[in-house]
C-alpha atoms as a PDB file:
ATOM      1  CA  MET A   1      76.547  28.093 -13.297  1.00  0.00           C
ATOM      2  CA  THR A   2      75.372  25.375 -15.670  1.00  0.00           C
ATOM      3  CA  LEU A   3      76.870  21.914 -15.182  1.00  0.00           C
ATOM      4  CA  PRO A   4      77.517  19.622 -18.124  1.00  0.00           C
ATOM      5  CA  PHE A   5      74.897  16.884 -18.499  1.00  0.00           C
ATOM      6  CA  LYS A   6      77.141  14.065 -17.138  1.00  0.00           C
ATOM      7  CA  TYR A   7      78.031  15.993 -13.994  1.00  0.00           C
ATOM      8  CA  ALA A   8      74.436  16.963 -13.382  1.00  0.00           C
ATOM      9  CA  ALA A   9      73.360  13.321 -13.693  1.00  0.00           C
ATOM     10  CA  LEU A  10      76.129  12.229 -11.300  1.00  0.00           C
ATOM     11  CA  ALA A  11      75.089  14.818  -8.750  1.00  0.00           C
ATOM     12  CA  LEU A  12      71.498  13.640  -8.997  1.00  0.00           C
ATOM     13  CA  VAL A  13      72.514   9.997  -8.440  1.00  0.00           C
ATOM     14  CA  CYS A  14      74.561  10.918  -5.385  1.00  0.00           C
ATOM     15  CA  SER A  15      71.801  12.937  -3.849  1.00  0.00           C
ATOM     16  CA  ALA A  16      69.367  10.082  -4.504  1.00  0.00           C
ATOM     17  CA  GLY A  17      71.747   7.679  -2.771  1.00  0.00           C
ATOM     18  CA  LEU A  18      71.954   9.902   0.274  1.00  0.00           C
ATOM     19  CA  PHE A  19      68.141  10.160   0.404  1.00  0.00           C
ATOM     20  CA  ALA A  20      67.803   6.364   0.189  1.00  0.00           C
ATOM     21  CA  ALA A  21      70.411   5.847   2.922  1.00  0.00           C
ATOM     22  CA  SER A  22      68.711   8.272   5.231  1.00  0.00           C
ATOM     23  CA  GLY A  23      65.439   6.476   4.555  1.00  0.00           C
ATOM     24  CA  VAL A  24      66.989   3.136   5.527  1.00  0.00           C
ATOM     25  CA  LEU A  25      68.349   4.622   8.748  1.00  0.00           C
ATOM     26  CA  TYR A  26      64.922   6.052   9.561  1.00  0.00           C
ATOM     27  CA  VAL A  27      63.216   2.719   9.017  1.00  0.00           C
ATOM     28  CA  LYS A  28      65.784   0.930  11.216  1.00  0.00           C
ATOM     29  CA  SER A  29      65.384   3.501  13.969  1.00  0.00           C
ATOM     30  CA  ARG A  30      61.536   3.015  14.166  1.00  0.00           C
ATOM     31  CA  PRO A  31      60.370   0.851  17.077  1.00  0.00           C
ATOM     32  CA  PRO A  32      58.873  -2.489  16.084  1.00  0.00           C
ATOM     33  CA  GLU A  33      55.127  -2.325  15.569  1.00  0.00           C
ATOM     34  CA  THR A  34      52.804  -4.400  17.693  1.00  0.00           C
ATOM     35  CA  PRO A  35      51.178  -7.056  15.510  1.00  0.00           C
ATOM     36  CA  VAL A  36      47.465  -6.468  14.947  1.00  0.00           C
ATOM     37  CA  GLN A  37      45.359  -9.135  16.542  1.00  0.00           C
ATOM     38  CA  THR A  38      42.403 -10.366  14.533  1.00  0.00           C
ATOM     39  CA  VAL A  39      39.160 -10.278  16.494  1.00  0.00           C
ATOM     40  CA  PRO A  40      36.737 -12.992  15.379  1.00  0.00           C
ATOM     41  CA  VAL A  41      33.487 -11.565  14.057  1.00  0.00           C
ATOM     42  CA  THR A  42      30.421 -13.074  15.624  1.00  0.00           C
ATOM     43  CA  PRO A  43      27.610 -13.411  13.051  1.00  0.00           C
ATOM     44  CA  GLN A  44      24.624 -11.279  13.931  1.00  0.00           C
ATOM     45  CA  PRO A  45      21.311 -13.105  14.358  1.00  0.00           C
ATOM     46  CA  GLN A  46      18.850 -12.540  11.529  1.00  0.00           C
ATOM     47  CA  PRO A  47      15.765 -10.535  12.461  1.00  0.00           C
ATOM     48  CA  PRO A  48      12.628 -12.638  12.734  1.00  0.00           C
ATOM     49  CA  VAL A  49      10.255 -12.668   9.785  1.00  0.00           C
ATOM     50  CA  ALA A  50       7.491 -10.155  10.401  1.00  0.00           C
ATOM     51  CA  LYS A  51       4.068 -11.682  10.790  1.00  0.00           C
ATOM     52  CA  PRO A  52       1.030 -10.097   9.120  1.00  0.00           C
ATOM     53  CA  ALA A  53      -0.293  -7.209  11.165  1.00  0.00           C
ATOM     54  CA  PHE A  54      -3.937  -8.079  10.503  1.00  0.00           C
ATOM     55  CA  THR A  55      -5.767 -11.389  10.278  1.00  0.00           C
ATOM     56  CA  SER A  56      -7.974 -12.338   7.357  1.00  0.00           C
ATOM     57  CA  ALA A  57     -11.015 -12.052   9.643  1.00  0.00           C
ATOM     58  CA  GLN A  58     -10.157  -8.443  10.474  1.00  0.00           C
ATOM     59  CA  ILE A  59      -9.544  -7.560   6.847  1.00  0.00           C
ATOM     60  CA  ASP A  60     -12.837  -9.155   5.760  1.00  0.00           C
ATOM     61  CA  GLN A  61     -14.568  -7.099   8.438  1.00  0.00           C
ATOM     62  CA  TRP A  62     -13.211  -3.837   7.050  1.00  0.00           C
ATOM     63  CA  VAL A  63     -13.451  -4.691   3.350  1.00  0.00           C
ATOM     64  CA  ALA A  64     -17.082  -5.896   3.523  1.00  0.00           C
ATOM     65  CA  PRO A  65     -18.723  -2.433   3.123  1.00  0.00           C
ATOM     66  CA  VAL A  66     -16.915  -1.735  -0.180  1.00  0.00           C
ATOM     67  CA  ALA A  67     -16.108  -5.162  -1.683  1.00  0.00           C
ATOM     68  CA  LEU A  68     -19.128  -4.938  -4.012  1.00  0.00           C
ATOM     69  CA  TYR A  69     -18.269  -1.473  -5.313  1.00  0.00           C
ATOM     70  CA  PRO A  70     -17.406  -1.195  -9.020  1.00  0.00           C
ATOM     71  CA  ASP A  71     -13.699  -1.767  -9.545  1.00  0.00           C
ATOM     72  CA  PRO A  72     -12.831   1.848 -10.520  1.00  0.00           C
ATOM     73  CA  LEU A  73     -14.583   3.201  -7.428  1.00  0.00           C
ATOM     74  CA  LEU A  74     -13.187   0.502  -5.140  1.00  0.00           C
ATOM     75  CA  SER A  75      -9.604   1.299  -6.143  1.00  0.00           C
ATOM     76  CA  GLN A  76     -10.149   4.989  -5.353  1.00  0.00           C
ATOM     77  CA  VAL A  77     -11.704   4.202  -1.964  1.00  0.00           C
ATOM     78  CA  LEU A  78      -8.807   1.935  -0.984  1.00  0.00           C
ATOM     79  CA  MET A  79      -6.236   4.542  -2.004  1.00  0.00           C
ATOM     80  CA  ALA A  80      -8.134   7.375  -0.317  1.00  0.00           C
ATOM     81  CA  ALA A  81      -8.343   5.391   2.922  1.00  0.00           C
ATOM     82  CA  THR A  82      -4.547   5.541   3.145  1.00  0.00           C
ATOM     83  CA  TYR A  83      -4.917   9.331   3.578  1.00  0.00           C
ATOM     84  CA  PRO A  84      -7.370   9.479   6.507  1.00  0.00           C
ATOM     85  CA  ALA A  85      -6.568  13.111   7.344  1.00  0.00           C
ATOM     86  CA  ASN A  86      -7.365  14.129   3.758  1.00  0.00           C
ATOM     87  CA  VAL A  87     -10.617  12.171   3.941  1.00  0.00           C
ATOM     88  CA  VAL A  88     -11.673  14.043   7.082  1.00  0.00           C
ATOM     89  CA  GLN A  89     -11.071  17.369   5.324  1.00  0.00           C
ATOM     90  CA  ALA A  90     -12.882  16.219   2.181  1.00  0.00           C
ATOM     91  CA  VAL A  91     -15.857  15.036   4.227  1.00  0.00           C
ATOM     92  CA  GLN A  92     -16.126  18.446   5.868  1.00  0.00           C
ATOM     93  CA  TRP A  93     -15.829  20.162   2.466  1.00  0.00           C
ATOM     94  CA  SER A  94     -18.587  17.953   1.085  1.00  0.00           C
ATOM     95  CA  ARG A  95     -20.828  18.831   4.035  1.00  0.00           C
ATOM     96  CA  ASP A  96     -20.183  22.519   3.450  1.00  0.00           C
ATOM     97  CA  ASN A  97     -20.955  22.191  -0.276  1.00  0.00           C
ATOM     98  CA  PRO A  98     -23.923  19.779  -0.452  1.00  0.00           C
ATOM     99  CA  THR A  99     -25.046  20.911  -3.904  1.00  0.00           C
ATOM    100  CA  LEU A 100     -21.743  20.107  -5.611  1.00  0.00           C
ATOM    101  CA  LYS A 101     -21.237  16.625  -6.996  1.00  0.00           C
ATOM    102  CA  GLY A 102     -19.771  14.873 -10.021  1.00  0.00           C
ATOM    103  CA  ASP A 103     -17.254  16.732 -12.166  1.00  0.00           C
ATOM    104  CA  ALA A 104     -18.280  20.079 -10.669  1.00  0.00           C
ATOM    105  CA  ALA A 105     -17.192  18.937  -7.210  1.00  0.00           C
ATOM    106  CA  ILE A 106     -13.894  17.554  -8.500  1.00  0.00           C
ATOM    107  CA  GLN A 107     -13.131  20.825 -10.267  1.00  0.00           C
ATOM    108  CA  ALA A 108     -13.969  22.779  -7.127  1.00  0.00           C
ATOM    109  CA  VAL A 109     -11.385  20.897  -5.043  1.00  0.00           C
ATOM    110  CA  SER A 110      -8.657  20.844  -7.686  1.00  0.00           C
ATOM    111  CA  GLY A 111      -6.590  23.324  -5.658  1.00  0.00           C
ATOM    112  CA  GLN A 112      -6.811  21.352  -2.418  1.00  0.00           C
ATOM    113  CA  PRO A 113      -3.596  19.666  -1.191  1.00  0.00           C
ATOM    114  CA  TRP A 114      -5.292  16.257  -1.063  1.00  0.00           C
ATOM    115  CA  ASP A 115      -4.341  13.041  -2.758  1.00  0.00           C
ATOM    116  CA  PRO A 116      -6.013  12.650  -6.190  1.00  0.00           C
ATOM    117  CA  SER A 117      -7.920   9.604  -4.930  1.00  0.00           C
ATOM    118  CA  VAL A 118      -9.546  11.706  -2.205  1.00  0.00           C
ATOM    119  CA  LYS A 119     -10.405  14.472  -4.668  1.00  0.00           C
ATOM    120  CA  SER A 120     -12.123  11.953  -6.935  1.00  0.00           C
ATOM    121  CA  LEU A 121     -14.450  10.826  -4.154  1.00  0.00           C
ATOM    122  CA  VAL A 122     -15.997  14.255  -3.579  1.00  0.00           C
ATOM    123  CA  ALA A 123     -17.953  13.517  -6.775  1.00  0.00           C
ATOM    124  CA  PHE A 124     -20.102  11.242  -4.562  1.00  0.00           C
ATOM    125  CA  PRO A 125     -21.521  13.246  -1.625  1.00  0.00           C
ATOM    126  CA  GLN A 126     -23.360  10.192  -0.282  1.00  0.00           C
ATOM    127  CA  LEU A 127     -20.140   8.199  -0.181  1.00  0.00           C
ATOM    128  CA  MET A 128     -18.313  11.024   1.553  1.00  0.00           C
ATOM    129  CA  ALA A 129     -21.116  11.096   4.129  1.00  0.00           C
ATOM    130  CA  LEU A 130     -20.650   7.374   4.773  1.00  0.00           C
ATOM    131  CA  MET A 131     -16.903   7.698   5.199  1.00  0.00           C
ATOM    132  CA  GLY A 132     -17.432  10.628   7.518  1.00  0.00           C
ATOM    133  CA  GLU A 133     -19.683   8.547   9.764  1.00  0.00           C
ATOM    134  CA  ASN A 134     -16.908   6.091  10.639  1.00  0.00           C
ATOM    135  CA  PRO A 135     -13.382   7.582  10.529  1.00  0.00           C
ATOM    136  CA  GLU A 136     -12.051   4.637  12.550  1.00  0.00           C
ATOM    137  CA  TRP A 137     -13.117   2.276   9.768  1.00  0.00           C
ATOM    138  CA  VAL A 138     -11.379   4.498   7.194  1.00  0.00           C
ATOM    139  CA  GLN A 139      -8.177   4.359   9.253  1.00  0.00           C
ATOM    140  CA  ASN A 140      -8.314   0.576   9.629  1.00  0.00           C
ATOM    141  CA  LEU A 141      -9.040  -0.009   5.956  1.00  0.00           C
ATOM    142  CA  GLY A 142      -6.173   2.254   4.917  1.00  0.00           C
ATOM    143  CA  ASP A 143      -3.730   0.642   7.349  1.00  0.00           C
ATOM    144  CA  ALA A 144      -4.642  -2.830   6.087  1.00  0.00           C
ATOM    145  CA  PHE A 145      -4.242  -1.799   2.455  1.00  0.00           C
ATOM    146  CA  LEU A 146      -0.841  -0.238   3.136  1.00  0.00           C
ATOM    147  CA  ALA A 147       0.471  -3.194   5.140  1.00  0.00           C
ATOM    148  CA  GLN A 148      -1.133  -6.105   3.264  1.00  0.00           C
ATOM    149  CA  PRO A 149      -2.457  -4.996  -0.134  1.00  0.00           C
ATOM    150  CA  GLN A 150      -2.615  -8.527  -1.569  1.00  0.00           C
ATOM    151  CA  ASP A 151      -4.561  -9.778   1.452  1.00  0.00           C
ATOM    152  CA  VAL A 152      -7.044  -6.934   0.968  1.00  0.00           C
ATOM    153  CA  MET A 153      -7.559  -7.820  -2.698  1.00  0.00           C
ATOM    154  CA  ASP A 154      -7.935 -11.509  -1.791  1.00  0.00           C
ATOM    155  CA  SER A 155     -10.601 -10.486   0.700  1.00  0.00           C
ATOM    156  CA  VAL A 156     -12.452  -8.578  -2.022  1.00  0.00           C
ATOM    157  CA  GLN A 157     -12.542 -11.690  -4.183  1.00  0.00           C
ATOM    158  CA  ARG A 158     -13.658 -13.969  -1.333  1.00  0.00           C
ATOM    159  CA  LEU A 159     -16.506 -11.658  -0.406  1.00  0.00           C
ATOM    160  CA  ARG A 160     -17.606 -11.220  -4.014  1.00  0.00           C
ATOM    161  CA  GLN A 161     -17.707 -14.979  -4.364  1.00  0.00           C
ATOM    162  CA  LEU A 162     -19.939 -15.227  -1.285  1.00  0.00           C
ATOM    163  CA  ALA A 163     -22.247 -12.551  -2.700  1.00  0.00           C
ATOM    164  CA  GLN A 164     -22.478 -14.439  -5.996  1.00  0.00           C
ATOM    165  CA  GLN A 165     -23.358 -17.646  -4.186  1.00  0.00           C
ATOM    166  CA  THR A 166     -26.193 -15.908  -2.342  1.00  0.00           C
ATOM    167  CA  GLY A 167     -27.455 -14.339  -5.576  1.00  0.00           C
ATOM    168  CA  THR A 168     -26.952 -10.753  -4.452  1.00  0.00           C
ATOM    169  CA  LEU A 169     -24.104  -9.970  -6.851  1.00  0.00           C
ATOM    170  CA  LYS A 170     -25.104 -10.066 -10.506  1.00  0.00           C
ATOM    171  CA  SER A 171     -25.191  -7.882 -13.584  1.00  0.00           C
ATOM    172  CA  THR A 172     -27.739  -5.072 -13.619  1.00  0.00           C
ATOM    173  CA  PRO A 173     -28.496  -2.148 -15.946  1.00  0.00           C
ATOM    174  CA  GLN A 174     -25.995  -0.175 -13.849  1.00  0.00           C
ATOM    175  CA  GLN A 175     -23.117  -2.638 -13.657  1.00  0.00           C
ATOM    176  CA  THR A 176     -21.593  -5.671 -15.375  1.00  0.00           C
ATOM    177  CA  VAL A 177     -20.328  -8.588 -13.304  1.00  0.00           C
ATOM    178  CA  SER A 178     -17.933 -11.047 -14.951  1.00  0.00           C
ATOM    179  CA  SER A 179     -15.799 -13.952 -13.708  1.00  0.00           C
ATOM    180  CA  THR A 180     -12.579 -15.330 -15.153  1.00  0.00           C
ATOM    181  CA  PRO A 181     -10.453 -18.242 -13.890  1.00  0.00           C
ATOM    182  CA  LYS A 182      -7.484 -17.101 -11.874  1.00  0.00           C
ATOM    183  CA  ARG A 183      -4.165 -17.589 -13.621  1.00  0.00           C
ATOM    184  CA  ALA A 184      -1.737 -19.995 -12.027  1.00  0.00           C
ATOM    185  CA  SER A 185       1.057 -17.931 -10.529  1.00  0.00           C
ATOM    186  CA  ALA A 186       4.550 -19.129  -9.837  1.00  0.00           C
ATOM    187  CA  PRO A 187       5.317 -20.297  -6.563  1.00  0.00           C
ATOM    188  CA  ALA A 188       2.557 -19.337  -4.223  1.00  0.00           C
ATOM    189  CA  THR A 189       3.307 -17.819  -0.855  1.00  0.00           C
ATOM    190  CA  VAL A 190       2.958 -20.018   2.196  1.00  0.00           C
ATOM    191  CA  GLN A 191      -0.257 -19.335   4.050  1.00  0.00           C
ATOM    192  CA  SER A 192      -1.116 -20.098   7.635  1.00  0.00           C
ATOM    193  CA  SER A 193      -3.519 -22.921   8.356  1.00  0.00           C
ATOM    194  CA  ASN A 194      -6.099 -20.384   9.525  1.00  0.00           C
ATOM    195  CA  ALA A 195      -6.026 -18.321   6.324  1.00  0.00           C
ATOM    196  CA  PRO A 196      -8.917 -19.008   3.934  1.00  0.00           C
ATOM    197  CA  ALA A 197      -8.042 -20.335   0.510  1.00  0.00           C
ATOM    198  CA  PRO A 198      -7.941 -17.699  -2.257  1.00  0.00           C
ATOM    199  CA  ALA A 199     -10.957 -17.516  -4.557  1.00  0.00           C
ATOM    200  CA  PRO A 200     -10.464 -19.671  -7.685  1.00  0.00           C
ATOM    201  CA  THR A 201     -11.803 -16.947  -9.969  1.00  0.00           C
ATOM    202  CA  VAL A 202     -11.392 -13.217 -10.409  1.00  0.00           C
ATOM    203  CA  ILE A 203     -14.716 -11.408 -10.228  1.00  0.00           C
ATOM    204  CA  LYS A 204     -14.854  -8.007 -11.878  1.00  0.00           C
ATOM    205  CA  ILE A 205     -17.525  -5.368 -11.356  1.00  0.00           C
ATOM    206  CA  GLU A 206     -17.536  -2.668 -14.011  1.00  0.00           C
ATOM    207  CA  PRO A 207     -19.952   0.178 -14.754  1.00  0.00           C
ATOM    208  CA  ALA A 208     -22.344  -0.619 -17.602  1.00  0.00           C
ATOM    209  CA  ASP A 209     -21.688   2.925 -18.829  1.00  0.00           C
ATOM    210  CA  PRO A 210     -18.012   3.895 -18.416  1.00  0.00           C
ATOM    211  CA  GLN A 211     -19.076   7.520 -17.956  1.00  0.00           C
ATOM    212  CA  VAL A 212     -21.430   6.780 -15.050  1.00  0.00           C
ATOM    213  CA  VAL A 213     -20.420   5.110 -11.774  1.00  0.00           C
ATOM    214  CA  TYR A 214     -23.144   4.015  -9.360  1.00  0.00           C
ATOM    215  CA  VAL A 215     -22.451   3.620  -5.650  1.00  0.00           C
ATOM    216  CA  PRO A 216     -24.272   0.501  -4.401  1.00  0.00           C
ATOM    217  CA  ASN A 217     -25.960   0.520  -1.020  1.00  0.00           C
ATOM    218  CA  TYR A 218     -26.141  -2.802   0.804  1.00  0.00           C
ATOM    219  CA  ASN A 219     -26.033  -4.321   4.253  1.00  0.00           C
ATOM    220  CA  PRO A 220     -22.892  -6.491   4.636  1.00  0.00           C
ATOM    221  CA  ALA A 221     -24.567  -8.444   7.425  1.00  0.00           C
ATOM    222  CA  THR A 222     -27.032  -9.985   4.932  1.00  0.00           C
ATOM    223  CA  VAL A 223     -25.649  -9.596   1.410  1.00  0.00           C
ATOM    224  CA  TYR A 224     -22.898 -12.194   1.946  1.00  0.00           C
ATOM    225  CA  GLY A 225     -25.150 -14.799   3.515  1.00  0.00           C
ATOM    226  CA  SER A 226     -23.839 -16.497   6.640  1.00  0.00           C
ATOM    227  CA  TRP A 227     -20.834 -14.491   7.796  1.00  0.00           C
ATOM    228  CA  PRO A 228     -17.763 -16.769   8.104  1.00  0.00           C
ATOM    229  CA  ASN A 229     -16.401 -15.326  11.359  1.00  0.00           C
ATOM    230  CA  THR A 230     -18.955 -14.056  13.860  1.00  0.00           C
ATOM    231  CA  ALA A 231     -16.187 -12.814  16.171  1.00  0.00           C
ATOM    232  CA  TYR A 232     -15.453 -10.106  13.584  1.00  0.00           C
ATOM    233  CA  PRO A 233     -18.823  -8.981  12.186  1.00  0.00           C
ATOM    234  CA  PRO A 234     -18.702  -6.857   9.035  1.00  0.00           C
ATOM    235  CA  VAL A 235     -18.709  -3.094   9.370  1.00  0.00           C
ATOM    236  CA  TYR A 236     -22.006  -1.585   8.250  1.00  0.00           C
ATOM    237  CA  LEU A 237     -22.185   1.984   7.002  1.00  0.00           C
ATOM    238  CA  PRO A 238     -25.862   2.931   6.989  1.00  0.00           C
ATOM    239  CA  PRO A 239     -26.859   5.935   4.873  1.00  0.00           C
ATOM    240  CA  PRO A 240     -27.026   9.120   6.956  1.00  0.00           C
ATOM    241  CA  PRO A 241     -30.528  10.328   7.842  1.00  0.00           C
ATOM    242  CA  GLY A 242     -32.259  11.875   4.855  1.00  0.00           C
ATOM    243  CA  GLN A 243     -29.844  10.373   2.324  1.00  0.00           C
ATOM    244  CA  GLN A 244     -30.162   7.268   0.220  1.00  0.00           C
ATOM    245  CA  PHE A 245     -28.485   5.816  -2.842  1.00  0.00           C
END
C-alpha cells in the first residue's frame, strides 16, 4: 500500500524520534569512561656526532702511492678501490691474460659483473699488478674514500703541493701540471687542531694527449721530500719483478 506523501513523512519523523530516544538511553546507560592520563614525554638524547674514522696521517699514508697519478686515472683508482672484491678478480684476470691491455683488455672484460671503474683499470696491466701486490692497501684506500671523500681529495692536494715544492711534480711530454687558486667556499667545516690546513691551490695533472694516459712510477718515501708524519710512513708499491713503467 502506498501512503500519501504527508503520512510517509510523518512516519519517518516518528521513527527518527524513536531512534534518537533509544540512542540517548544507550548513551546514559554506558558506564563513565576513565579519564586518559597524559604521560609526559621525556626527550630522547641526541646521538653524539660521529668522529672521522681515519686521521689525516692515515689517509696521507694510503693516498701517497697514487696522489701523483693523472686526474682521470686517479678518479678511477679511487672508485675501483671501493670494490676490493672486484679488484681481486680483475687482478687475477689480468694475470691470466698478460698480453691484453688498453682498449682490447677493456673490451674483453665488458661482460664481467665488475664496476666500470674496475673494468677501466684492466687497460693497465702494470697497475693491476701493483694493486694485486697489496690488497690490504686497496681495502684501506677504498674505505677511506667511502667514509671521508673530501679528506681524501684534500690529501691528494697536500701531497701534490709537497711534490711541487721538492721539484718532482712538473709538466712533462706525458702530462701537464697546472695550479689554480682555490675558490673561497662558504662556511668552512670546523677542523681539529691536529688536521693540516688545506692546500691553498688546486693542482691538476692531466695527460698531454687526452687519448694516452701514462701511469707514473715513483717512490712515495722520497718524491714528497721529508714525510710529515713518520709514525705513518707512505705505502710503497714497487713494480713486480720483471715489470717496469
